[in-house]
Amino acid sequence: MEVAAPFTGSGRIVCSQLPGGLIATTPHFGSYGLLSEAHRAVQKWCDDHGHRMSGVSWEIYGHWKEEWNSDPSKIRTDVYYLVQAEKG
């Protein structure tokens, strides 16, 4: 959930912030069970283009739509990796 300002969390609710910097990303359309394909695609792209992965990654999920229950191919999840240019 995105919020406009930092807040004090409690229990299972915590306030966090995404890191800044260079990212590699791809959208994934389909069931969550196939998300590993998107992660592999980003990892391969980084290898092919000389980017070193920092080990930080995250996913952003679209707001659920009732139609996705009958057609999971429309589910969108964006996959992100924080990277550094030029492996070496």
PDB file of N, CA and C in Angstrom:
ATOM      1  N   MET A   1       0.847  -1.167   0.000  1.00  0.00           N
ATOM      2  CA  MET A   1       0.000   0.000   0.000  1.00  0.00           C
ATOM      3  C   MET A   1       0.891   1.228   0.000  1.00  0.00           C
ATOM      4  N   GLU A   2       0.651   2.126  -0.891  1.00  0.00           N
ATOM      5  CA  GLU A   2       1.393   3.376  -0.905  1.00  0.00           C
ATOM      6  C   GLU A   2       0.700   4.377   0.012  1.00  0.00           C
ATOM      7  N   VAL A   3       1.504   5.134   0.757  1.00  0.00           N
ATOM      8  CA  VAL A   3       0.972   6.172   1.640  1.00  0.00           C
ATOM      9  C   VAL A   3       1.704   7.480   1.363  1.00  0.00           C
ATOM     10  N   ALA A   4       1.103   8.586   1.758  1.00  0.00           N
ATOM     11  CA  ALA A   4       1.657   9.907   1.454  1.00  0.00           C
ATOM     12  C   ALA A   4       2.775  10.327   2.397  1.00  0.00           C
ATOM     13  N   ALA A   5       2.852   9.715   3.570  1.00  0.00           N
ATOM     14  CA  ALA A   5       3.849  10.131   4.558  1.00  0.00           C
ATOM     15  C   ALA A   5       4.216   8.943   5.441  1.00  0.00           C
ATOM     16  N   PRO A   6       5.413   8.950   6.027  1.00  0.00           N
ATOM     17  CA  PRO A   6       5.800   7.876   6.948  1.00  0.00           C
ATOM     18  C   PRO A   6       4.829   7.784   8.129  1.00  0.00           C
ATOM     19  N   PHE A   7       4.725   6.584   8.702  1.00  0.00           N
ATOM     20  CA  PHE A   7       3.854   6.378   9.854  1.00  0.00           C
ATOM     21  C   PHE A   7       4.494   5.371  10.789  1.00  0.00           C
ATOM     22  N   THR A   8       4.016   5.322  12.012  1.00  0.00           N
ATOM     23  CA  THR A   8       4.481   4.354  12.992  1.00  0.00           C
ATOM     24  C   THR A   8       3.640   3.097  12.839  1.00  0.00           C
ATOM     25  N   GLY A   9       4.282   1.981  12.562  1.00  0.00           N
ATOM     26  CA  GLY A   9       3.569   0.727  12.389  1.00  0.00           C
ATOM     27  C   GLY A   9       3.269   0.062  13.719  1.00  0.00           C
ATOM     28  N   SER A  10       2.526  -1.023  13.651  1.00  0.00           N
ATOM     29  CA  SER A  10       2.251  -1.831  14.842  1.00  0.00           C
ATOM     30  C   SER A  10       1.949  -3.253  14.392  1.00  0.00           C
ATOM     31  N   GLY A  11       2.517  -4.219  15.098  1.00  0.00           N
ATOM     32  CA  GLY A  11       2.265  -5.613  14.762  1.00  0.00           C
ATOM     33  C   GLY A  11       2.750  -5.960  13.369  1.00  0.00           C
ATOM     34  N   ARG A  12       1.842  -6.453  12.531  1.00  0.00           N
ATOM     35  CA  ARG A  12       2.199  -6.890  11.181  1.00  0.00           C
ATOM     36  C   ARG A  12       2.262  -5.739  10.182  1.00  0.00           C
ATOM     37  N   ILE A  13       1.870  -4.555  10.564  1.00  0.00           N
ATOM     38  CA  ILE A  13       1.903  -3.398   9.675  1.00  0.00           C
ATOM     39  C   ILE A  13       3.178  -2.608   9.956  1.00  0.00           C
ATOM     40  N   VAL A  14       4.012  -2.445   8.928  1.00  0.00           N
ATOM     41  CA  VAL A  14       5.266  -1.708   9.094  1.00  0.00           C
ATOM     42  C   VAL A  14       5.385  -0.671   7.976  1.00  0.00           C
ATOM     43  N   CYS A  15       6.099   0.380   8.278  1.00  0.00           N
ATOM     44  CA  CYS A  15       6.374   1.403   7.280  1.00  0.00           C
ATOM     45  C   CYS A  15       7.742   1.096   6.683  1.00  0.00           C
ATOM     46  N   SER A  16       7.839   1.057   5.373  1.00  0.00           N
ATOM     47  CA  SER A  16       9.118   0.800   4.715  1.00  0.00           C
ATOM     48  C   SER A  16       9.232   1.702   3.490  1.00  0.00           C
ATOM     49  N   GLN A  17      10.398   1.697   2.894  1.00  0.00           N
ATOM     50  CA  GLN A  17      10.646   2.551   1.733  1.00  0.00           C
ATOM     51  C   GLN A  17      11.444   1.760   0.708  1.00  0.00           C
ATOM     52  N   LEU A  18      11.082   1.899  -0.551  1.00  0.00           N
ATOM     53  CA  LEU A  18      11.832   1.244  -1.617  1.00  0.00           C
ATOM     54  C   LEU A  18      13.152   1.972  -1.828  1.00  0.00           C
ATOM     55  N   PRO A  19      14.188   1.236  -2.203  1.00  0.00           N
ATOM     56  CA  PRO A  19      15.492   1.881  -2.410  1.00  0.00           C
ATOM     57  C   PRO A  19      15.517   2.682  -3.706  1.00  0.00           C
ATOM     58  N   GLY A  20      16.356   3.698  -3.740  1.00  0.00           N
ATOM     59  CA  GLY A  20      16.561   4.456  -4.958  1.00  0.00           C
ATOM     60  C   GLY A  20      17.731   3.887  -5.730  1.00  0.00           C
ATOM     61  N   GLY A  21      17.800   4.149  -7.003  1.00  0.00           N
ATOM     62  CA  GLY A  21      18.922   3.700  -7.806  1.00  0.00           C
ATOM     63  C   GLY A  21      18.472   3.093  -9.111  1.00  0.00           C
ATOM     64  N   LEU A  22      19.423   2.494  -9.799  1.00  0.00           N
ATOM     65  CA  LEU A  22      19.194   1.863 -11.091  1.00  0.00           C
ATOM     66  C   LEU A  22      18.448   0.548 -10.887  1.00  0.00           C
ATOM     67  N   ILE A  23      17.387   0.342 -11.657  1.00  0.00           N
ATOM     68  CA  ILE A  23      16.626  -0.901 -11.544  1.00  0.00           C
ATOM     69  C   ILE A  23      16.500  -1.579 -12.901  1.00  0.00           C
ATOM     70  N   ALA A  24      16.279  -2.880 -12.848  1.00  0.00           N
ATOM     71  CA  ALA A  24      15.867  -3.663 -14.010  1.00  0.00           C
ATOM     72  C   ALA A  24      14.474  -4.174 -13.667  1.00  0.00           C
ATOM     73  N   THR A  25      13.553  -4.082 -14.615  1.00  0.00           N
ATOM     74  CA  THR A  25      12.167  -4.438 -14.321  1.00  0.00           C
ATOM     75  C   THR A  25      11.496  -5.095 -15.516  1.00  0.00           C
ATOM     76  N   THR A  26      10.464  -5.857 -15.232  1.00  0.00           N
ATOM     77  CA  THR A  26       9.621  -6.418 -16.284  1.00  0.00           C
ATOM     78  C   THR A  26       8.221  -6.613 -15.722  1.00  0.00           C
ATOM     79  N   PRO A  27       7.202  -6.449 -16.563  1.00  0.00           N
ATOM     80  CA  PRO A  27       5.855  -6.812 -16.127  1.00  0.00           C
ATOM     81  C   PRO A  27       5.637  -8.309 -16.342  1.00  0.00           C
ATOM     82  N   HIS A  28       4.842  -8.902 -15.495  1.00  0.00           N
ATOM     83  CA  HIS A  28       4.453 -10.308 -15.652  1.00  0.00           C
ATOM     84  C   HIS A  28       2.935 -10.338 -15.759  1.00  0.00           C
ATOM     85  N   PHE A  29       2.423 -10.985 -16.791  1.00  0.00           N
ATOM     86  CA  PHE A  29       0.988 -11.179 -16.936  1.00  0.00           C
ATOM     87  C   PHE A  29       0.716 -12.670 -16.783  1.00  0.00           C
ATOM     88  N   GLY A  30      -0.080 -13.025 -15.795  1.00  0.00           N
ATOM     89  CA  GLY A  30      -0.410 -14.422 -15.565  1.00  0.00           C
ATOM     90  C   GLY A  30      -0.465 -14.743 -14.092  1.00  0.00           C
ATOM     91  N   SER A  31      -0.645 -16.012 -13.804  1.00  0.00           N
ATOM     92  CA  SER A  31      -0.812 -16.439 -12.415  1.00  0.00           C
ATOM     93  C   SER A  31       0.467 -16.213 -11.615  1.00  0.00           C
ATOM     94  N   TYR A  32       0.294 -16.063 -10.326  1.00  0.00           N
ATOM     95  CA  TYR A  32       1.431 -15.853  -9.434  1.00  0.00           C
ATOM     96  C   TYR A  32       2.365 -17.051  -9.431  1.00  0.00           C
ATOM     97  N   GLY A  33       1.849 -18.224  -9.719  1.00  0.00           N
ATOM     98  CA  GLY A  33       2.668 -19.426  -9.762  1.00  0.00           C
ATOM     99  C   GLY A  33       3.730 -19.403 -10.853  1.00  0.00           C
ATOM    100  N   LEU A  34       3.587 -18.508 -11.818  1.00  0.00           N
ATOM    101  CA  LEU A  34       4.548 -18.410 -12.916  1.00  0.00           C
ATOM    102  C   LEU A  34       5.474 -17.201 -12.792  1.00  0.00           C
ATOM    103  N   LEU A  35       5.442 -16.506 -11.654  1.00  0.00           N
ATOM    104  CA  LEU A  35       6.272 -15.318 -11.452  1.00  0.00           C
ATOM    105  C   LEU A  35       7.761 -15.608 -11.567  1.00  0.00           C
ATOM    106  N   SER A  36       8.168 -16.820 -11.271  1.00  0.00           N
ATOM    107  CA  SER A  36       9.597 -17.150 -11.353  1.00  0.00           C
ATOM    108  C   SER A  36      10.131 -16.939 -12.767  1.00  0.00           C
ATOM    109  N   GLU A  37       9.276 -17.062 -13.779  1.00  0.00           N
ATOM    110  CA  GLU A  37       9.697 -16.823 -15.163  1.00  0.00           C
ATOM    111  C   GLU A  37      10.119 -15.361 -15.355  1.00  0.00           C
ATOM    112  N   ALA A  38       9.372 -14.442 -14.763  1.00  0.00           N
ATOM    113  CA  ALA A  38       9.709 -13.020 -14.860  1.00  0.00           C
ATOM    114  C   ALA A  38      11.019 -12.729 -14.127  1.00  0.00           C
ATOM    115  N   HIS A  39      11.203 -13.347 -12.963  1.00  0.00           N
ATOM    116  CA  HIS A  39      12.449 -13.153 -12.214  1.00  0.00           C
ATOM    117  C   HIS A  39      13.645 -13.669 -13.016  1.00  0.00           C
ATOM    118  N   ARG A  40      13.501 -14.837 -13.629  1.00  0.00           N
ATOM    119  CA  ARG A  40      14.589 -15.378 -14.457  1.00  0.00           C
ATOM    120  C   ARG A  40      14.882 -14.474 -15.651  1.00  0.00           C
ATOM    121  N   ALA A  41      13.844 -13.893 -16.245  1.00  0.00           N
ATOM    122  CA  ALA A  41      14.038 -13.011 -17.402  1.00  0.00           C
ATOM    123  C   ALA A  41      14.839 -11.768 -17.009  1.00  0.00           C
ATOM    124  N   VAL A  42      14.538 -11.180 -15.848  1.00  0.00           N
ATOM    125  CA  VAL A  42      15.288 -10.004 -15.398  1.00  0.00           C
ATOM    126  C   VAL A  42      16.731 -10.393 -15.089  1.00  0.00           C
ATOM    127  N   GLN A  43      16.920 -11.529 -14.430  1.00  0.00           N
ATOM    128  CA  GLN A  43      18.273 -11.982 -14.104  1.00  0.00           C
ATOM    129  C   GLN A  43      19.091 -12.217 -15.372  1.00  0.00           C
ATOM    130  N   LYS A  44      18.475 -12.826 -16.383  1.00  0.00           N
ATOM    131  CA  LYS A  44      19.174 -13.068 -17.651  1.00  0.00           C
ATOM    132  C   LYS A  44      19.510 -11.746 -18.330  1.00  0.00           C
ATOM    133  N   TRP A  45      18.570 -10.804 -18.326  1.00  0.00           N
ATOM    134  CA  TRP A  45      18.828  -9.509 -18.938  1.00  0.00           C
ATOM    135  C   TRP A  45      20.017  -8.826 -18.262  1.00  0.00           C
ATOM    136  N   CYS A  46      20.067  -8.882 -16.949  1.00  0.00           N
ATOM    137  CA  CYS A  46      21.185  -8.280 -16.211  1.00  0.00           C
ATOM    138  C   CYS A  46      22.507  -8.939 -16.619  1.00  0.00           C
ATOM    139  N   ASP A  47      22.527 -10.252 -16.678  1.00  0.00           N
ATOM    140  CA  ASP A  47      23.737 -10.966 -17.102  1.00  0.00           C
ATOM    141  C   ASP A  47      24.139 -10.571 -18.518  1.00  0.00           C
ATOM    142  N   ASP A  48      23.165 -10.519 -19.422  1.00  0.00           N
ATOM    143  CA  ASP A  48      23.446 -10.205 -20.827  1.00  0.00           C
ATOM    144  C   ASP A  48      23.932  -8.772 -21.036  1.00  0.00           C
ATOM    145  N   HIS A  49      23.552  -7.867 -20.128  1.00  0.00           N
ATOM    146  CA  HIS A  49      23.870  -6.448 -20.302  1.00  0.00           C
ATOM    147  C   HIS A  49      24.887  -5.923 -19.290  1.00  0.00           C
ATOM    148  N   GLY A  50      25.537  -6.825 -18.562  1.00  0.00           N
ATOM    149  CA  GLY A  50      26.622  -6.437 -17.679  1.00  0.00           C
ATOM    150  C   GLY A  50      26.222  -5.721 -16.407  1.00  0.00           C
ATOM    151  N   HIS A  51      25.027  -5.996 -15.920  1.00  0.00           N
ATOM    152  CA  HIS A  51      24.583  -5.372 -14.674  1.00  0.00           C
ATOM    153  C   HIS A  51      24.696  -6.366 -13.517  1.00  0.00           C
ATOM    154  N   ARG A  52      25.264  -5.912 -12.426  1.00  0.00           N
ATOM    155  CA  ARG A  52      25.395  -6.744 -11.229  1.00  0.00           C
ATOM    156  C   ARG A  52      24.165  -6.519 -10.350  1.00  0.00           C
ATOM    157  N   MET A  53      23.525  -7.596  -9.937  1.00  0.00           N
ATOM    158  CA  MET A  53      22.340  -7.501  -9.092  1.00  0.00           C
ATOM    159  C   MET A  53      22.773  -7.278  -7.651  1.00  0.00           C
ATOM    160  N   SER A  54      22.062  -6.387  -6.945  1.00  0.00           N
ATOM    161  CA  SER A  54      22.428  -6.035  -5.575  1.00  0.00           C
ATOM    162  C   SER A  54      21.896  -7.035  -4.550  1.00  0.00           C
ATOM    163  N   GLY A  55      20.946  -7.861  -4.953  1.00  0.00           N
ATOM    164  CA  GLY A  55      20.297  -8.773  -4.012  1.00  0.00           C
ATOM    165  C   GLY A  55      18.972  -8.239  -3.497  1.00  0.00           C
ATOM    166  N   VAL A  56      18.626  -6.993  -3.860  1.00  0.00           N
ATOM    167  CA  VAL A  56      17.361  -6.389  -3.448  1.00  0.00           C
ATOM    168  C   VAL A  56      16.377  -6.489  -4.605  1.00  0.00           C
ATOM    169  N   SER A  57      15.217  -7.058  -4.328  1.00  0.00           N
ATOM    170  CA  SER A  57      14.171  -7.135  -5.350  1.00  0.00           C
ATOM    171  C   SER A  57      12.813  -6.967  -4.681  1.00  0.00           C
ATOM    172  N   TRP A  58      11.810  -6.623  -5.491  1.00  0.00           N
ATOM    173  CA  TRP A  58      10.458  -6.506  -4.969  1.00  0.00           C
ATOM    174  C   TRP A  58       9.471  -6.691  -6.105  1.00  0.00           C
ATOM    175  N   GLU A  59       8.224  -6.898  -5.729  1.00  0.00           N
ATOM    176  CA  GLU A  59       7.133  -7.076  -6.684  1.00  0.00           C
ATOM    177  C   GLU A  59       6.020  -6.104  -6.328  1.00  0.00           C
ATOM    178  N   ILE A  60       5.365  -5.573  -7.342  1.00  0.00           N
ATOM    179  CA  ILE A  60       4.194  -4.725  -7.125  1.00  0.00           C
ATOM    180  C   ILE A  60       3.023  -5.385  -7.829  1.00  0.00           C
ATOM    181  N   TYR A  61       1.968  -5.629  -7.059  1.00  0.00           N
ATOM    182  CA  TYR A  61       0.796  -6.351  -7.540  1.00  0.00           C
ATOM    183  C   TYR A  61      -0.312  -5.367  -7.898  1.00  0.00           C
ATOM    184  N   GLY A  62      -1.005  -5.612  -9.015  1.00  0.00           N
ATOM    185  CA  GLY A  62      -2.141  -4.784  -9.393  1.00  0.00           C
ATOM    186  C   GLY A  62      -3.303  -4.990  -8.436  1.00  0.00           C
ATOM    187  N   HIS A  63      -4.203  -4.016  -8.387  1.00  0.00           N
ATOM    188  CA  HIS A  63      -5.404  -4.151  -7.555  1.00  0.00           C
ATOM    189  C   HIS A  63      -6.274  -5.256  -8.152  1.00  0.00           C
ATOM    190  N   TRP A  64      -6.713  -6.189  -7.299  1.00  0.00           N
ATOM    191  CA  TRP A  64      -7.437  -7.369  -7.758  1.00  0.00           C
ATOM    192  C   TRP A  64      -8.726  -6.983  -8.470  1.00  0.00           C
ATOM    193  N   LYS A  65      -8.965  -7.654  -9.592  1.00  0.00           N
ATOM    194  CA  LYS A  65     -10.202  -7.474 -10.346  1.00  0.00           C
ATOM    195  C   LYS A  65     -10.930  -8.808 -10.378  1.00  0.00           C
ATOM    196  N   GLU A  66     -12.215  -8.764 -10.208  1.00  0.00           N
ATOM    197  CA  GLU A  66     -13.034  -9.979 -10.164  1.00  0.00           C
ATOM    198  C   GLU A  66     -12.832 -10.851 -11.411  1.00  0.00           C
ATOM    199  N   GLU A  67     -12.639 -10.236 -12.570  1.00  0.00           N
ATOM    200  CA  GLU A  67     -12.479 -10.989 -13.833  1.00  0.00           C
ATOM    201  C   GLU A  67     -11.242 -11.886 -13.816  1.00  0.00           C
ATOM    202  N   TRP A  68     -10.268 -11.569 -12.972  1.00  0.00           N
ATOM    203  CA  TRP A  68      -9.050 -12.378 -12.909  1.00  0.00           C
ATOM    204  C   TRP A  68      -9.318 -13.775 -12.365  1.00  0.00           C
ATOM    205  N   ASN A  69     -10.423 -13.957 -11.636  1.00  0.00           N
ATOM    206  CA  ASN A  69     -10.771 -15.290 -11.146  1.00  0.00           C
ATOM    207  C   ASN A  69     -11.015 -16.245 -12.303  1.00  0.00           C
ATOM    208  N   SER A  70     -11.565 -15.745 -13.409  1.00  0.00           N
ATOM    209  CA  SER A  70     -11.842 -16.612 -14.553  1.00  0.00           C
ATOM    210  C   SER A  70     -10.777 -16.507 -15.642  1.00  0.00           C
ATOM    211  N   ASP A  71      -9.939 -15.446 -15.601  1.00  0.00           N
ATOM    212  CA  ASP A  71      -8.899 -15.286 -16.621  1.00  0.00           C
ATOM    213  C   ASP A  71      -7.610 -14.764 -15.972  1.00  0.00           C
ATOM    214  N   PRO A  72      -6.839 -15.668 -15.346  1.00  0.00           N
ATOM    215  CA  PRO A  72      -5.626 -15.234 -14.660  1.00  0.00           C
ATOM    216  C   PRO A  72      -4.555 -14.662 -15.585  1.00  0.00           C
ATOM    217  N   SER A  73      -4.700 -14.805 -16.898  1.00  0.00           N
ATOM    218  CA  SER A  73      -3.700 -14.256 -17.812  1.00  0.00           C
ATOM    219  C   SER A  73      -3.681 -12.727 -17.781  1.00  0.00           C
ATOM    220  N   LYS A  74      -4.687 -12.122 -17.181  1.00  0.00           N
ATOM    221  CA  LYS A  74      -4.761 -10.658 -17.102  1.00  0.00           C
ATOM    222  C   LYS A  74      -4.143 -10.099 -15.814  1.00  0.00           C
ATOM    223  N   ILE A  75      -3.759 -10.969 -14.904  1.00  0.00           N
ATOM    224  CA  ILE A  75      -3.160 -10.512 -13.647  1.00  0.00           C
ATOM    225  C   ILE A  75      -1.798  -9.887 -13.964  1.00  0.00           C
ATOM    226  N   ARG A  76      -1.575  -8.661 -13.507  1.00  0.00           N
ATOM    227  CA  ARG A  76      -0.294  -7.985 -13.753  1.00  0.00           C
ATOM    228  C   ARG A  76       0.477  -7.857 -12.441  1.00  0.00           C
ATOM    229  N   THR A  77       1.736  -8.271 -12.501  1.00  0.00           N
ATOM    230  CA  THR A  77       2.670  -8.087 -11.404  1.00  0.00           C
ATOM    231  C   THR A  77       3.945  -7.511 -11.997  1.00  0.00           C
ATOM    232  N   ASP A  78       4.452  -6.432 -11.419  1.00  0.00           N
ATOM    233  CA  ASP A  78       5.704  -5.841 -11.889  1.00  0.00           C
ATOM    234  C   ASP A  78       6.839  -6.310 -10.988  1.00  0.00           C
ATOM    235  N   VAL A  79       7.905  -6.805 -11.600  1.00  0.00           N
ATOM    236  CA  VAL A  79       9.070  -7.349 -10.890  1.00  0.00           C
ATOM    237  C   VAL A  79      10.225  -6.371 -11.039  1.00  0.00           C
ATOM    238  N   TYR A  80      10.879  -6.049  -9.925  1.00  0.00           N
ATOM    239  CA  TYR A  80      11.960  -5.064  -9.914  1.00  0.00           C
ATOM    240  C   TYR A  80      13.198  -5.637  -9.233  1.00  0.00           C
ATOM    241  N   TYR A  81      14.366  -5.289  -9.753  1.00  0.00           N
ATOM    242  CA  TYR A  81      15.650  -5.614  -9.123  1.00  0.00           C
ATOM    243  C   TYR A  81      16.506  -4.356  -9.091  1.00  0.00           C
ATOM    244  N   LEU A  82      17.098  -4.075  -7.951  1.00  0.00           N
ATOM    245  CA  LEU A  82      18.074  -2.995  -7.834  1.00  0.00           C
ATOM    246  C   LEU A  82      19.382  -3.523  -8.384  1.00  0.00           C
ATOM    247  N   VAL A  83      20.006  -2.785  -9.317  1.00  0.00           N
ATOM    248  CA  VAL A  83      21.217  -3.257  -9.980  1.00  0.00           C
ATOM    249  C   VAL A  83      22.311  -2.181  -9.975  1.00  0.00           C
ATOM    250  N   GLN A  84      23.497  -2.646 -10.274  1.00  0.00           N
ATOM    251  CA  GLN A  84      24.640  -1.751 -10.469  1.00  0.00           C
ATOM    252  C   GLN A  84      25.156  -1.994 -11.863  1.00  0.00           C
ATOM    253  N   ALA A  85      25.497  -0.947 -12.574  1.00  0.00           N
ATOM    254  CA  ALA A  85      25.988  -1.069 -13.940  1.00  0.00           C
ATOM    255  C   ALA A  85      27.388  -1.691 -13.954  1.00  0.00           C
ATOM    256  N   GLU A  86      27.716  -2.324 -15.046  1.00  0.00           N
ATOM    257  CA  GLU A  86      29.053  -2.828 -15.335  1.00  0.00           C
ATOM    258  C   GLU A  86      29.614  -3.758 -14.276  1.00  0.00           C
ATOM    259  N   LYS A  87      29.325  -5.033 -14.452  1.00  0.00           N
ATOM    260  CA  LYS A  87      29.927  -6.046 -13.576  1.00  0.00           C
ATOM    261  C   LYS A  87      31.445  -5.978 -13.713  1.00  0.00           C
ATOM    262  N   GLY A  88      32.126  -6.302 -12.620  1.00  0.00           N
ATOM    263  CA  GLY A  88      33.567  -6.300 -12.769  1.00  0.00           C
ATOM    264  C   GLY A  88      34.333  -6.488 -11.556  1.00  0.00           C
TER     265      GLY A  88
END
